[in-house]
Amino acid sequence: MTAASALSAQPVRELYIDRRVVTVKPDRIDIHPARSIIFLPLFVLSLGIAVFPAMYFWGDSLSLVLRVVLTLAAIVIVPVAGMGLVYSIAGAHLVIEREKQSAVLQQGFLGMGVGTQELIPFWKVDKVVVKELTPHDYRGHQEGFAQFEVSILKLSGKSVSVGLVTVTRADAKEGLARAREVAGVIAEMAGSRVSVSRRREPKKAEDVS
């Protein structure tokens, strides 16, 4: 089944990459955080909020410098963690829309999605690349896992990362297929193509001169 027929046959479906969920609709692709990442901003927000009751009950036993530092830290941490919490619940890393003929990338800050946005018009997209990142050495040794990155390559040569797929080495084919499926739906919507770059198997030690 091609990416185009898959999009028309299944109006809404979900694909999964590392820490992100790819929601595919006929005219829109949302790549948003997995719900599991809510715990980091929630934990940081809890720490920030905890400063205020701690200052109220035990502030007299703390030095003036420490109280000032804790107060300033809480003033910074609470709003940033709050925005990160909202992002993890309702935010999106990348939104691709057929009607607008563009993709919008949310450039996150500290993994919390707080930051600026980058607009990528479809006409600026050269291709969607699937690249294996897992290193090999000349002895033929491999890592116990395989990692594939899906990225959008612009005509300018700049690469914009969509996400990673990490699996055990035994499941490398399944991981590659998942990465190619994600790249395929993005390329179909952007009117582009998919390029797969896999690391070549290294030569055996006795073949290395």
N, C-alpha and C. Protein backbone atom coordinates (compact mmCIF):
# COMPACT_ATOMS: atom_id res chain seq x y z
N MET A 1 0.84 -1.20 0.00
CA MET A 1 0.00 0.00 0.00
C MET A 1 0.88 1.25 0.00
N THR A 2 0.58 2.16 -0.90
CA THR A 2 1.35 3.39 -0.96
C THR A 2 0.93 4.34 0.14
N ALA A 3 1.77 5.36 0.36
CA ALA A 3 1.43 6.35 1.40
C ALA A 3 0.14 7.07 1.05
N ALA A 4 -0.08 7.36 -0.24
CA ALA A 4 -1.28 8.09 -0.65
C ALA A 4 -2.54 7.28 -0.39
N SER A 5 -2.52 5.99 -0.77
CA SER A 5 -3.69 5.15 -0.56
C SER A 5 -3.92 4.90 0.91
N ALA A 6 -2.84 4.83 1.70
CA ALA A 6 -2.98 4.63 3.14
C ALA A 6 -3.67 5.82 3.77
N LEU A 7 -3.32 7.03 3.32
CA LEU A 7 -3.94 8.23 3.87
C LEU A 7 -5.43 8.28 3.56
N SER A 8 -5.81 7.89 2.33
CA SER A 8 -7.22 7.95 1.96
C SER A 8 -8.02 6.83 2.59
N ALA A 9 -7.39 5.67 2.82
CA ALA A 9 -8.10 4.52 3.37
C ALA A 9 -8.32 4.66 4.87
N GLN A 10 -7.44 5.34 5.56
CA GLN A 10 -7.54 5.47 7.01
C GLN A 10 -7.54 6.96 7.36
N PRO A 11 -8.75 7.56 7.51
CA PRO A 11 -8.83 9.00 7.76
C PRO A 11 -8.00 9.46 8.96
N VAL A 12 -7.98 8.68 10.03
CA VAL A 12 -7.20 9.06 11.20
C VAL A 12 -6.48 7.82 11.73
N ARG A 13 -5.18 7.92 11.90
CA ARG A 13 -4.41 6.82 12.49
C ARG A 13 -3.20 7.38 13.20
N GLU A 14 -2.60 6.53 14.00
CA GLU A 14 -1.45 6.97 14.79
C GLU A 14 -0.25 6.07 14.52
N LEU A 15 0.92 6.71 14.35
CA LEU A 15 2.20 6.02 14.23
C LEU A 15 3.06 6.46 15.40
N TYR A 16 4.02 5.62 15.77
CA TYR A 16 4.78 5.91 16.99
C TYR A 16 6.28 5.94 16.71
N ILE A 17 6.91 7.02 17.18
CA ILE A 17 8.36 7.12 17.17
C ILE A 17 8.79 7.45 18.59
N ASP A 18 10.08 7.58 18.82
CA ASP A 18 10.57 7.78 20.18
C ASP A 18 9.99 9.05 20.80
N ARG A 19 9.28 8.89 21.91
CA ARG A 19 8.72 9.98 22.71
C ARG A 19 7.73 10.86 21.96
N ARG A 20 7.30 10.43 20.78
CA ARG A 20 6.35 11.22 20.00
C ARG A 20 5.31 10.33 19.33
N VAL A 21 4.16 10.92 19.08
CA VAL A 21 3.08 10.23 18.39
C VAL A 21 2.78 11.00 17.11
N VAL A 22 2.67 10.28 16.01
CA VAL A 22 2.37 10.89 14.71
C VAL A 22 0.91 10.61 14.39
N THR A 23 0.07 11.63 14.44
CA THR A 23 -1.35 11.50 14.12
C THR A 23 -1.56 11.91 12.67
N VAL A 24 -2.01 10.95 11.87
CA VAL A 24 -2.14 11.16 10.42
C VAL A 24 -3.61 11.29 10.04
N LYS A 25 -3.95 12.42 9.42
CA LYS A 25 -5.27 12.66 8.87
C LYS A 25 -5.12 12.93 7.37
N PRO A 26 -6.22 12.90 6.61
CA PRO A 26 -6.08 13.09 5.16
C PRO A 26 -5.37 14.39 4.77
N ASP A 27 -5.59 15.46 5.51
CA ASP A 27 -5.01 16.75 5.13
C ASP A 27 -4.13 17.36 6.20
N ARG A 28 -3.76 16.58 7.21
CA ARG A 28 -2.97 17.15 8.30
C ARG A 28 -2.20 16.03 9.02
N ILE A 29 -0.97 16.33 9.38
CA ILE A 29 -0.15 15.42 10.19
C ILE A 29 0.32 16.18 11.42
N ASP A 30 0.01 15.66 12.58
CA ASP A 30 0.46 16.25 13.85
C ASP A 30 1.48 15.32 14.50
N ILE A 31 2.66 15.83 14.76
CA ILE A 31 3.67 15.07 15.49
C ILE A 31 3.81 15.74 16.85
N HIS A 32 3.25 15.09 17.86
CA HIS A 32 3.17 15.71 19.18
C HIS A 32 3.82 14.81 20.23
N PRO A 33 4.11 15.35 21.40
CA PRO A 33 4.81 14.57 22.43
C PRO A 33 3.96 13.40 22.92
N ALA A 34 4.64 12.32 23.25
CA ALA A 34 3.96 11.21 23.91
C ALA A 34 3.56 11.66 25.31
N ARG A 35 2.46 11.15 25.79
CA ARG A 35 1.95 11.58 27.10
C ARG A 35 2.92 11.26 28.23
N SER A 36 3.86 10.34 28.00
CA SER A 36 4.80 9.95 29.06
C SER A 36 5.73 11.08 29.46
N ILE A 37 5.96 12.07 28.55
CA ILE A 37 6.90 13.14 28.88
C ILE A 37 6.28 14.19 29.80
N ILE A 38 5.01 13.99 30.18
CA ILE A 38 4.36 14.94 31.08
C ILE A 38 5.03 14.95 32.46
N PHE A 39 5.70 13.83 32.81
CA PHE A 39 6.23 13.71 34.16
C PHE A 39 7.38 14.68 34.45
N LEU A 40 8.23 14.98 33.46
CA LEU A 40 9.33 15.91 33.70
C LEU A 40 8.86 17.31 34.04
N PRO A 41 8.03 17.96 33.18
CA PRO A 41 7.57 19.30 33.57
C PRO A 41 6.69 19.30 34.81
N LEU A 42 5.93 18.21 35.02
CA LEU A 42 5.09 18.12 36.22
C LEU A 42 5.95 18.07 37.47
N PHE A 43 7.04 17.29 37.40
CA PHE A 43 7.97 17.20 38.54
C PHE A 43 8.64 18.54 38.82
N VAL A 44 9.11 19.20 37.74
CA VAL A 44 9.78 20.50 37.90
C VAL A 44 8.80 21.54 38.43
N LEU A 45 7.56 21.51 37.95
CA LEU A 45 6.54 22.45 38.42
C LEU A 45 6.25 22.21 39.90
N SER A 46 6.18 20.96 40.30
CA SER A 46 5.92 20.64 41.71
C SER A 46 7.04 21.16 42.61
N LEU A 47 8.29 21.02 42.14
CA LEU A 47 9.42 21.54 42.92
C LEU A 47 9.33 23.06 43.06
N GLY A 48 8.98 23.74 41.95
CA GLY A 48 8.88 25.18 41.99
C GLY A 48 7.79 25.66 42.93
N ILE A 49 6.64 25.00 42.88
CA ILE A 49 5.53 25.38 43.75
C ILE A 49 5.85 25.09 45.21
N ALA A 50 6.61 23.99 45.44
CA ALA A 50 6.94 23.60 46.82
C ALA A 50 7.81 24.61 47.53
N VAL A 51 8.49 25.47 46.77
CA VAL A 51 9.34 26.48 47.39
C VAL A 51 8.53 27.44 48.26
N PHE A 52 7.33 27.79 47.83
CA PHE A 52 6.55 28.80 48.54
C PHE A 52 6.07 28.33 49.92
N PRO A 53 5.48 27.13 50.06
CA PRO A 53 5.16 26.67 51.42
C PRO A 53 6.40 26.42 52.27
N ALA A 54 7.51 26.00 51.62
CA ALA A 54 8.74 25.79 52.38
C ALA A 54 9.26 27.11 52.94
N MET A 55 9.16 28.16 52.15
CA MET A 55 9.57 29.48 52.62
C MET A 55 8.67 29.96 53.75
N TYR A 56 7.39 29.63 53.67
CA TYR A 56 6.44 30.09 54.69
C TYR A 56 6.69 29.40 56.03
N PHE A 57 6.89 28.09 56.00
CA PHE A 57 7.04 27.34 57.25
C PHE A 57 8.45 27.36 57.81
N TRP A 58 9.46 27.33 56.93
CA TRP A 58 10.84 27.22 57.42
C TRP A 58 11.73 28.39 56.99
N GLY A 59 11.11 29.44 56.48
CA GLY A 59 11.89 30.57 56.00
C GLY A 59 12.75 31.23 57.07
N ASP A 60 12.28 31.25 58.31
CA ASP A 60 13.04 31.92 59.37
C ASP A 60 14.36 31.21 59.66
N SER A 61 14.41 29.92 59.38
CA SER A 61 15.64 29.17 59.66
C SER A 61 16.63 29.22 58.51
N LEU A 62 16.26 29.83 57.40
CA LEU A 62 17.13 29.91 56.23
C LEU A 62 17.81 31.28 56.17
N SER A 63 18.97 31.30 55.58
CA SER A 63 19.69 32.57 55.45
C SER A 63 18.99 33.45 54.42
N LEU A 64 19.26 34.73 54.48
CA LEU A 64 18.64 35.67 53.55
C LEU A 64 19.03 35.38 52.11
N VAL A 65 20.31 35.04 51.90
CA VAL A 65 20.78 34.74 50.54
C VAL A 65 20.05 33.52 49.98
N LEU A 66 19.89 32.48 50.80
CA LEU A 66 19.23 31.26 50.34
C LEU A 66 17.76 31.53 50.02
N ARG A 67 17.12 32.36 50.83
CA ARG A 67 15.71 32.69 50.57
C ARG A 67 15.55 33.47 49.26
N VAL A 68 16.48 34.37 49.00
CA VAL A 68 16.43 35.13 47.74
C VAL A 68 16.64 34.21 46.55
N VAL A 69 17.62 33.31 46.67
CA VAL A 69 17.91 32.38 45.57
C VAL A 69 16.72 31.47 45.31
N LEU A 70 16.12 30.93 46.36
CA LEU A 70 14.96 30.04 46.19
C LEU A 70 13.78 30.77 45.58
N THR A 71 13.57 32.00 45.99
CA THR A 71 12.45 32.79 45.46
C THR A 71 12.65 33.08 43.98
N LEU A 72 13.85 33.51 43.61
CA LEU A 72 14.12 33.79 42.20
C LEU A 72 14.02 32.53 41.34
N ALA A 73 14.52 31.42 41.90
CA ALA A 73 14.44 30.15 41.16
C ALA A 73 12.99 29.75 40.93
N ALA A 74 12.16 29.92 41.95
CA ALA A 74 10.75 29.56 41.81
C ALA A 74 10.05 30.45 40.79
N ILE A 75 10.40 31.74 40.79
CA ILE A 75 9.79 32.69 39.85
C ILE A 75 10.09 32.29 38.40
N VAL A 76 11.28 31.73 38.16
CA VAL A 76 11.66 31.31 36.81
C VAL A 76 11.10 29.92 36.49
N ILE A 77 11.22 29.00 37.44
CA ILE A 77 10.86 27.60 37.19
C ILE A 77 9.37 27.41 36.97
N VAL A 78 8.55 28.05 37.79
CA VAL A 78 7.10 27.80 37.73
C VAL A 78 6.50 28.15 36.37
N PRO A 79 6.71 29.33 35.81
CA PRO A 79 6.11 29.60 34.49
C PRO A 79 6.68 28.75 33.37
N VAL A 80 8.00 28.49 33.40
CA VAL A 80 8.61 27.67 32.34
C VAL A 80 8.08 26.24 32.40
N ALA A 81 8.05 25.67 33.62
CA ALA A 81 7.53 24.30 33.77
C ALA A 81 6.04 24.26 33.44
N GLY A 82 5.32 25.33 33.76
CA GLY A 82 3.90 25.38 33.43
C GLY A 82 3.67 25.34 31.94
N MET A 83 4.47 26.10 31.18
CA MET A 83 4.36 26.07 29.72
C MET A 83 4.76 24.71 29.18
N GLY A 84 5.78 24.10 29.80
CA GLY A 84 6.18 22.76 29.38
C GLY A 84 5.09 21.74 29.63
N LEU A 85 4.35 21.90 30.73
CA LEU A 85 3.25 20.99 31.05
C LEU A 85 2.13 21.13 30.03
N VAL A 86 1.81 22.37 29.67
CA VAL A 86 0.77 22.60 28.66
C VAL A 86 1.19 22.02 27.32
N TYR A 87 2.49 22.20 26.97
CA TYR A 87 3.00 21.65 25.71
C TYR A 87 2.91 20.14 25.68
N SER A 88 3.24 19.49 26.81
CA SER A 88 3.21 18.03 26.83
C SER A 88 1.80 17.48 26.74
N ILE A 89 0.82 18.29 27.12
CA ILE A 89 -0.58 17.85 27.07
C ILE A 89 -1.21 18.17 25.71
N ALA A 90 -0.98 19.40 25.22
CA ALA A 90 -1.70 19.84 24.02
C ALA A 90 -0.78 20.39 22.93
N GLY A 91 0.53 20.35 23.13
CA GLY A 91 1.44 20.93 22.16
C GLY A 91 1.75 20.01 21.00
N ALA A 92 2.48 20.54 20.02
CA ALA A 92 2.88 19.76 18.86
C ALA A 92 4.31 20.11 18.47
N HIS A 93 5.10 19.08 18.15
CA HIS A 93 6.46 19.31 17.69
C HIS A 93 6.47 19.77 16.24
N LEU A 94 5.61 19.16 15.42
CA LEU A 94 5.58 19.49 13.99
C LEU A 94 4.15 19.32 13.50
N VAL A 95 3.66 20.32 12.78
CA VAL A 95 2.32 20.27 12.18
C VAL A 95 2.46 20.47 10.68
N ILE A 96 1.97 19.53 9.91
CA ILE A 96 2.07 19.57 8.45
C ILE A 96 0.66 19.61 7.88
N GLU A 97 0.34 20.65 7.10
CA GLU A 97 -1.01 20.84 6.59
C GLU A 97 -1.00 20.95 5.06
N ARG A 98 -1.84 20.14 4.44
CA ARG A 98 -1.92 20.15 2.98
C ARG A 98 -2.51 21.48 2.47
N GLU A 99 -3.55 21.98 3.16
CA GLU A 99 -4.21 23.20 2.72
C GLU A 99 -3.26 24.40 2.75
N LYS A 100 -2.44 24.50 3.80
CA LYS A 100 -1.51 25.62 3.94
C LYS A 100 -0.21 25.39 3.19
N GLN A 101 -0.03 24.15 2.67
CA GLN A 101 1.17 23.82 1.90
C GLN A 101 2.44 24.13 2.68
N SER A 102 2.44 23.77 3.94
CA SER A 102 3.61 24.06 4.76
C SER A 102 3.64 23.18 6.00
N ALA A 103 4.80 23.15 6.62
CA ALA A 103 4.99 22.48 7.91
C ALA A 103 5.49 23.53 8.90
N VAL A 104 5.01 23.44 10.13
CA VAL A 104 5.43 24.36 11.18
C VAL A 104 6.14 23.56 12.26
N LEU A 105 7.39 23.92 12.50
CA LEU A 105 8.20 23.24 13.50
C LEU A 105 8.25 24.06 14.78
N GLN A 106 7.92 23.42 15.90
CA GLN A 106 8.04 24.06 17.21
C GLN A 106 9.44 23.80 17.72
N GLN A 107 10.26 24.84 17.82
CA GLN A 107 11.64 24.69 18.27
C GLN A 107 11.65 24.75 19.79
N GLY A 108 11.77 23.59 20.42
CA GLY A 108 11.64 23.50 21.87
C GLY A 108 12.83 24.03 22.63
N PHE A 109 12.62 24.29 23.92
CA PHE A 109 13.66 24.79 24.82
C PHE A 109 13.69 23.89 26.04
N LEU A 110 14.85 23.30 26.34
CA LEU A 110 15.01 22.41 27.49
C LEU A 110 14.05 21.23 27.44
N GLY A 111 13.70 20.81 26.22
CA GLY A 111 12.82 19.66 26.08
C GLY A 111 11.39 19.94 26.48
N MET A 112 11.03 21.22 26.66
CA MET A 112 9.69 21.56 27.14
C MET A 112 8.83 22.20 26.07
N GLY A 113 9.35 22.33 24.85
CA GLY A 113 8.54 22.88 23.78
C GLY A 113 8.36 24.37 23.84
N VAL A 114 9.12 25.05 24.69
CA VAL A 114 9.01 26.49 24.81
C VAL A 114 10.02 27.13 23.86
N GLY A 115 9.57 27.90 22.91
CA GLY A 115 10.52 28.48 21.97
C GLY A 115 9.83 29.05 20.76
N THR A 116 10.60 29.30 19.71
CA THR A 116 10.08 29.91 18.49
C THR A 116 9.61 28.83 17.51
N GLN A 117 8.98 29.28 16.44
CA GLN A 117 8.50 28.38 15.42
C GLN A 117 9.24 28.63 14.11
N GLU A 118 9.37 27.55 13.33
CA GLU A 118 10.00 27.66 12.01
C GLU A 118 9.01 27.18 10.97
N LEU A 119 8.76 28.01 9.96
CA LEU A 119 7.83 27.66 8.89
C LEU A 119 8.62 27.03 7.73
N ILE A 120 8.14 25.88 7.26
CA ILE A 120 8.79 25.18 6.15
C ILE A 120 7.77 25.00 5.02
N PRO A 121 7.75 25.89 4.02
CA PRO A 121 6.85 25.71 2.87
C PRO A 121 7.20 24.43 2.11
N PHE A 122 6.20 23.80 1.53
CA PHE A 122 6.44 22.56 0.80
C PHE A 122 7.43 22.74 -0.34
N TRP A 123 7.42 23.93 -0.97
CA TRP A 123 8.30 24.12 -2.13
C TRP A 123 9.77 24.18 -1.72
N LYS A 124 10.02 24.34 -0.42
CA LYS A 124 11.39 24.35 0.07
C LYS A 124 11.88 22.96 0.48
N VAL A 125 11.00 21.96 0.44
CA VAL A 125 11.36 20.60 0.86
C VAL A 125 11.99 19.85 -0.31
N ASP A 126 13.21 19.40 -0.13
CA ASP A 126 13.89 18.60 -1.15
C ASP A 126 13.43 17.15 -1.07
N LYS A 127 13.54 16.56 0.12
CA LYS A 127 13.13 15.18 0.33
C LYS A 127 13.03 14.90 1.82
N VAL A 128 12.43 13.76 2.13
CA VAL A 128 12.34 13.29 3.51
C VAL A 128 13.32 12.13 3.66
N VAL A 129 14.24 12.26 4.60
CA VAL A 129 15.35 11.31 4.71
C VAL A 129 15.18 10.39 5.91
N VAL A 130 15.42 9.11 5.68
CA VAL A 130 15.51 8.13 6.77
C VAL A 130 16.97 7.70 6.83
N LYS A 131 17.61 7.97 7.96
CA LYS A 131 19.04 7.70 8.08
C LYS A 131 19.33 6.86 9.31
N GLU A 132 20.14 5.82 9.12
CA GLU A 132 20.55 5.00 10.26
C GLU A 132 21.70 5.70 10.98
N LEU A 133 21.56 5.84 12.30
CA LEU A 133 22.57 6.53 13.09
C LEU A 133 23.49 5.59 13.85
N THR A 134 23.12 4.33 13.95
CA THR A 134 23.86 3.39 14.77
C THR A 134 25.25 3.14 14.21
N PRO A 135 26.28 3.31 15.02
CA PRO A 135 27.65 3.13 14.52
C PRO A 135 28.04 1.66 14.40
N HIS A 136 28.93 1.38 13.47
CA HIS A 136 29.59 0.08 13.34
C HIS A 136 31.09 0.32 13.35
N ASP A 137 31.85 -0.71 13.65
CA ASP A 137 33.30 -0.55 13.57
C ASP A 137 33.88 -1.54 12.57
N TYR A 138 35.16 -1.43 12.32
CA TYR A 138 35.78 -2.23 11.26
C TYR A 138 35.79 -3.72 11.57
N ARG A 139 35.60 -4.10 12.83
CA ARG A 139 35.60 -5.52 13.21
C ARG A 139 34.24 -6.18 12.98
N GLY A 140 33.25 -5.37 12.57
CA GLY A 140 31.92 -5.93 12.35
C GLY A 140 31.06 -5.89 13.59
N HIS A 141 31.55 -5.29 14.65
CA HIS A 141 30.77 -5.19 15.88
C HIS A 141 29.67 -4.15 15.70
N GLN A 142 28.53 -4.42 16.26
CA GLN A 142 27.41 -3.50 16.19
C GLN A 142 26.89 -3.22 17.60
N GLU A 143 26.24 -2.10 17.76
CA GLU A 143 25.58 -1.82 19.01
C GLU A 143 24.42 -2.80 19.19
N GLY A 144 23.95 -2.92 20.42
CA GLY A 144 22.83 -3.83 20.68
C GLY A 144 21.51 -3.25 20.25
N PHE A 145 21.52 -2.04 19.69
CA PHE A 145 20.29 -1.42 19.25
C PHE A 145 20.52 -0.78 17.88
N ALA A 146 19.43 -0.46 17.21
CA ALA A 146 19.48 0.25 15.92
C ALA A 146 18.65 1.51 16.07
N GLN A 147 19.15 2.60 15.51
CA GLN A 147 18.46 3.88 15.63
C GLN A 147 18.35 4.53 14.25
N PHE A 148 17.13 4.95 13.92
CA PHE A 148 16.87 5.57 12.62
C PHE A 148 16.27 6.96 12.85
N GLU A 149 16.79 7.93 12.12
CA GLU A 149 16.27 9.29 12.23
C GLU A 149 15.48 9.65 10.98
N VAL A 150 14.31 10.23 11.19
CA VAL A 150 13.50 10.77 10.10
C VAL A 150 13.69 12.28 10.11
N SER A 151 14.06 12.85 8.98
CA SER A 151 14.29 14.29 8.91
C SER A 151 13.82 14.83 7.57
N ILE A 152 13.53 16.13 7.56
CA ILE A 152 13.14 16.84 6.34
C ILE A 152 14.36 17.61 5.83
N LEU A 153 14.79 17.30 4.63
CA LEU A 153 15.93 18.00 4.04
C LEU A 153 15.41 19.12 3.15
N LYS A 154 15.79 20.35 3.46
CA LYS A 154 15.35 21.50 2.68
C LYS A 154 16.28 21.70 1.47
N LEU A 155 15.80 22.44 0.50
CA LEU A 155 16.61 22.72 -0.69
C LEU A 155 17.89 23.47 -0.35
N SER A 156 17.87 24.19 0.75
CA SER A 156 19.06 24.93 1.19
C SER A 156 20.13 24.02 1.76
N GLY A 157 19.78 22.74 1.99
CA GLY A 157 20.72 21.80 2.59
C GLY A 157 20.53 21.63 4.08
N LYS A 158 19.68 22.45 4.69
CA LYS A 158 19.43 22.34 6.12
C LYS A 158 18.51 21.16 6.39
N SER A 159 18.84 20.40 7.43
CA SER A 159 18.05 19.23 7.80
C SER A 159 17.26 19.53 9.07
N VAL A 160 15.98 19.23 9.04
CA VAL A 160 15.09 19.43 10.19
C VAL A 160 14.65 18.07 10.71
N SER A 161 15.02 17.75 11.94
CA SER A 161 14.72 16.44 12.50
C SER A 161 13.24 16.32 12.84
N VAL A 162 12.64 15.21 12.41
CA VAL A 162 11.25 14.91 12.75
C VAL A 162 11.20 14.05 14.00
N GLY A 163 12.10 13.08 14.11
CA GLY A 163 12.12 12.21 15.27
C GLY A 163 12.98 10.98 15.03
N LEU A 164 13.09 10.16 16.05
CA LEU A 164 13.92 8.96 16.01
C LEU A 164 13.07 7.71 16.26
N VAL A 165 13.55 6.61 15.71
CA VAL A 165 13.00 5.29 16.01
C VAL A 165 14.15 4.44 16.52
N THR A 166 14.07 4.00 17.77
CA THR A 166 15.13 3.20 18.38
C THR A 166 14.58 1.84 18.75
N VAL A 167 15.23 0.79 18.27
CA VAL A 167 14.80 -0.58 18.54
C VAL A 167 16.03 -1.45 18.82
N THR A 168 15.80 -2.66 19.30
CA THR A 168 16.91 -3.58 19.46
C THR A 168 17.41 -4.00 18.09
N ARG A 169 18.66 -4.45 18.02
CA ARG A 169 19.24 -4.83 16.74
C ARG A 169 18.42 -5.92 16.06
N ALA A 170 17.82 -6.82 16.85
CA ALA A 170 17.02 -7.91 16.29
C ALA A 170 15.76 -7.38 15.60
N ASP A 171 15.30 -6.21 16.02
CA ASP A 171 14.08 -5.63 15.44
C ASP A 171 14.40 -4.49 14.48
N ALA A 172 15.61 -4.48 13.93
CA ALA A 172 16.04 -3.38 13.06
C ALA A 172 15.13 -3.24 11.84
N LYS A 173 14.70 -4.33 11.25
CA LYS A 173 13.84 -4.25 10.08
C LYS A 173 12.50 -3.61 10.41
N GLU A 174 11.96 -3.97 11.56
CA GLU A 174 10.69 -3.37 11.99
C GLU A 174 10.85 -1.89 12.27
N GLY A 175 11.97 -1.52 12.89
CA GLY A 175 12.24 -0.12 13.18
C GLY A 175 12.39 0.70 11.91
N LEU A 176 13.12 0.14 10.93
CA LEU A 176 13.30 0.83 9.66
C LEU A 176 11.97 0.99 8.93
N ALA A 177 11.14 -0.05 8.99
CA ALA A 177 9.84 0.02 8.33
C ALA A 177 8.96 1.09 8.97
N ARG A 178 9.04 1.22 10.30
CA ARG A 178 8.26 2.24 11.00
C ARG A 178 8.74 3.64 10.63
N ALA A 179 10.06 3.81 10.56
CA ALA A 179 10.62 5.11 10.17
C ALA A 179 10.25 5.45 8.73
N ARG A 180 10.28 4.47 7.85
CA ARG A 180 9.93 4.71 6.44
C ARG A 180 8.45 5.04 6.29
N GLU A 181 7.61 4.44 7.12
CA GLU A 181 6.18 4.72 7.05
C GLU A 181 5.91 6.17 7.45
N VAL A 182 6.58 6.63 8.52
CA VAL A 182 6.42 8.02 8.95
C VAL A 182 6.93 8.96 7.85
N ALA A 183 8.11 8.65 7.31
CA ALA A 183 8.67 9.48 6.24
C ALA A 183 7.76 9.47 5.01
N GLY A 184 7.13 8.34 4.74
CA GLY A 184 6.28 8.22 3.57
C GLY A 184 5.05 9.11 3.62
N VAL A 185 4.39 9.16 4.78
CA VAL A 185 3.18 10.00 4.87
C VAL A 185 3.54 11.48 4.82
N ILE A 186 4.71 11.84 5.37
CA ILE A 186 5.15 13.24 5.30
C ILE A 186 5.49 13.62 3.87
N ALA A 187 6.23 12.73 3.19
CA ALA A 187 6.62 13.01 1.80
C ALA A 187 5.41 13.09 0.89
N GLU A 188 4.42 12.23 1.12
CA GLU A 188 3.21 12.25 0.29
C GLU A 188 2.48 13.59 0.43
N MET A 189 2.35 14.07 1.66
CA MET A 189 1.63 15.31 1.88
C MET A 189 2.42 16.51 1.35
N ALA A 190 3.73 16.45 1.44
CA ALA A 190 4.57 17.57 0.98
C ALA A 190 4.85 17.50 -0.52
N GLY A 191 4.40 16.43 -1.19
CA GLY A 191 4.67 16.27 -2.61
C GLY A 191 6.14 16.03 -2.89
N SER A 192 6.80 15.32 -1.97
CA SER A 192 8.23 15.08 -2.09
C SER A 192 8.49 13.58 -2.20
N ARG A 193 9.70 13.18 -1.88
CA ARG A 193 10.09 11.77 -1.96
C ARG A 193 10.84 11.35 -0.71
N VAL A 194 10.99 10.04 -0.56
CA VAL A 194 11.70 9.49 0.60
C VAL A 194 13.05 8.95 0.15
N SER A 195 14.08 9.29 0.90
CA SER A 195 15.42 8.77 0.66
C SER A 195 15.88 8.02 1.90
N VAL A 196 16.31 6.76 1.72
CA VAL A 196 16.75 5.94 2.83
C VAL A 196 18.26 5.78 2.77
N SER A 197 18.92 6.13 3.86
CA SER A 197 20.39 6.02 3.93
C SER A 197 20.75 5.09 5.07
N ARG A 198 21.21 3.89 4.73
CA ARG A 198 21.60 2.90 5.75
C ARG A 198 23.11 2.74 5.73
N ARG A 199 23.65 2.51 6.89
CA ARG A 199 25.10 2.28 6.98
C ARG A 199 25.41 0.93 6.35
N ARG A 200 26.48 0.89 5.56
CA ARG A 200 26.89 -0.37 4.95
C ARG A 200 27.50 -1.28 5.99
N GLU A 201 27.29 -2.56 5.79
CA GLU A 201 27.90 -3.53 6.69
C GLU A 201 29.42 -3.44 6.58
N PRO A 202 30.12 -3.34 7.69
CA PRO A 202 31.58 -3.19 7.63
C PRO A 202 32.27 -4.45 7.15
N LYS A 203 33.43 -4.28 6.56
CA LYS A 203 34.21 -5.42 6.12
C LYS A 203 34.77 -6.17 7.31
N LYS A 204 35.01 -7.42 7.12
CA LYS A 204 35.60 -8.23 8.18
C LYS A 204 37.04 -7.79 8.43
N ALA A 205 37.53 -8.09 9.61
CA ALA A 205 38.86 -7.61 10.02
C ALA A 205 39.94 -8.10 9.07
N GLU A 206 39.80 -9.36 8.59
CA GLU A 206 40.87 -9.88 7.74
C GLU A 206 40.85 -9.22 6.36
N ASP A 207 39.69 -8.55 6.00
CA ASP A 207 39.61 -7.90 4.71
C ASP A 207 40.11 -6.47 4.74
N VAL A 208 40.38 -5.96 5.98
CA VAL A 208 40.82 -4.58 6.12
C VAL A 208 42.33 -4.52 5.95
N SER A 209 42.81 -3.75 4.99
CA SER A 209 44.25 -3.67 4.75
C SER A 209 44.90 -2.66 5.68
